[in-house]
Amino acid sequence: MKHIKKCPEHGYTMKEECCGKTTIDPKPPKYSPDDKYGKYRREVKEKERKEQGLL
């Protein structure tokens, strides 16, 4: 079964690649109370926000 993907350039598609780039999954990962990598995701998001001047 195919799922909808998000193109970084245009919008949504069902293709794995669009505009020469790989599409991304628009849904967040499933919640798990035993999130082993949550700390690392939060560090990356904080770094990205600082680069954008949001923090």
C-alpha atoms as a PDB file:
ATOM      1  CA  MET A   1       0.000   0.000   0.000  1.00  0.00           C
ATOM      2  CA  LYS A   2       1.373   3.392  -0.954  1.00  0.00           C
ATOM      3  CA  HIS A   3       1.180   6.344   1.376  1.00  0.00           C
ATOM      4  CA  ILE A   4       1.119  10.039   0.614  1.00  0.00           C
ATOM      5  CA  LYS A   5       4.507  11.771   0.702  1.00  0.00           C
ATOM      6  CA  LYS A   6       5.516  15.428   0.791  1.00  0.00           C
ATOM      7  CA  CYS A   7       7.622  16.995  -1.943  1.00  0.00           C
ATOM      8  CA  PRO A   8      10.038  19.638  -0.612  1.00  0.00           C
ATOM      9  CA  GLU A   9       9.338  21.845  -3.666  1.00  0.00           C
ATOM     10  CA  HIS A  10       5.653  21.539  -4.617  1.00  0.00           C
ATOM     11  CA  GLY A  11       3.312  19.799  -2.207  1.00  0.00           C
ATOM     12  CA  TYR A  12       2.086  16.230  -1.852  1.00  0.00           C
ATOM     13  CA  THR A  13       2.656  13.223  -4.093  1.00  0.00           C
ATOM     14  CA  MET A  14       2.585   9.423  -4.098  1.00  0.00           C
ATOM     15  CA  LYS A  15       6.058   9.138  -5.669  1.00  0.00           C
ATOM     16  CA  GLU A  16       9.282   8.304  -3.853  1.00  0.00           C
ATOM     17  CA  GLU A  17      11.099  11.106  -5.707  1.00  0.00           C
ATOM     18  CA  CYS A  18       9.868  14.477  -6.942  1.00  0.00           C
ATOM     19  CA  CYS A  19      11.783  17.369  -8.519  1.00  0.00           C
ATOM     20  CA  GLY A  20      14.957  15.261  -8.345  1.00  0.00           C
ATOM     21  CA  LYS A  21      14.752  15.048  -4.533  1.00  0.00           C
ATOM     22  CA  THR A  22      13.579  12.318  -2.174  1.00  0.00           C
ATOM     23  CA  THR A  23      10.105  12.898  -0.758  1.00  0.00           C
ATOM     24  CA  ILE A  24       9.512  12.836   3.006  1.00  0.00           C
ATOM     25  CA  ASP A  25       6.836  11.291   5.185  1.00  0.00           C
ATOM     26  CA  PRO A  26       4.583  14.143   6.441  1.00  0.00           C
ATOM     27  CA  LYS A  27       3.404  12.235   9.510  1.00  0.00           C
ATOM     28  CA  PRO A  28       5.320  12.286  12.799  1.00  0.00           C
ATOM     29  CA  PRO A  29       6.729   8.989  14.090  1.00  0.00           C
ATOM     30  CA  LYS A  30       4.564   6.850  16.371  1.00  0.00           C
ATOM     31  CA  TYR A  31       4.682   7.830  20.027  1.00  0.00           C
ATOM     32  CA  SER A  32       6.562   5.501  22.329  1.00  0.00           C
ATOM     33  CA  PRO A  33       7.208   6.048  26.043  1.00  0.00           C
ATOM     34  CA  ASP A  34      10.525   4.205  25.549  1.00  0.00           C
ATOM     35  CA  ASP A  35      11.794   6.776  23.038  1.00  0.00           C
ATOM     36  CA  LYS A  36      15.499   5.974  22.735  1.00  0.00           C
ATOM     37  CA  TYR A  37      16.324   8.759  20.290  1.00  0.00           C
ATOM     38  CA  GLY A  38      14.101  11.611  21.512  1.00  0.00           C
ATOM     39  CA  LYS A  39      17.015  13.375  23.176  1.00  0.00           C
ATOM     40  CA  TYR A  40      18.940  13.475  19.909  1.00  0.00           C
ATOM     41  CA  ARG A  41      15.925  14.698  17.884  1.00  0.00           C
ATOM     42  CA  ARG A  42      15.380  17.529  20.354  1.00  0.00           C
ATOM     43  CA  GLU A  43      19.065  18.527  20.134  1.00  0.00           C
ATOM     44  CA  VAL A  44      18.882  18.687  16.328  1.00  0.00           C
ATOM     45  CA  LYS A  45      15.662  20.724  16.415  1.00  0.00           C
ATOM     46  CA  GLU A  46      17.153  23.156  18.931  1.00  0.00           C
ATOM     47  CA  LYS A  47      20.239  23.608  16.735  1.00  0.00           C
ATOM     48  CA  GLU A  48      18.063  24.253  13.655  1.00  0.00           C
ATOM     49  CA  ARG A  49      15.966  26.814  15.566  1.00  0.00           C
ATOM     50  CA  LYS A  50      19.091  28.657  16.721  1.00  0.00           C
ATOM     51  CA  GLU A  51      20.383  28.801  13.133  1.00  0.00           C
ATOM     52  CA  GLN A  52      17.057  30.266  12.006  1.00  0.00           C
ATOM     53  CA  GLY A  53      17.111  32.817  14.823  1.00  0.00           C
ATOM     54  CA  LEU A  54      13.983  31.465  16.511  1.00  0.00           C
ATOM     55  CA  LEU A  55      15.625  30.989  19.924  1.00  0.00           C
END
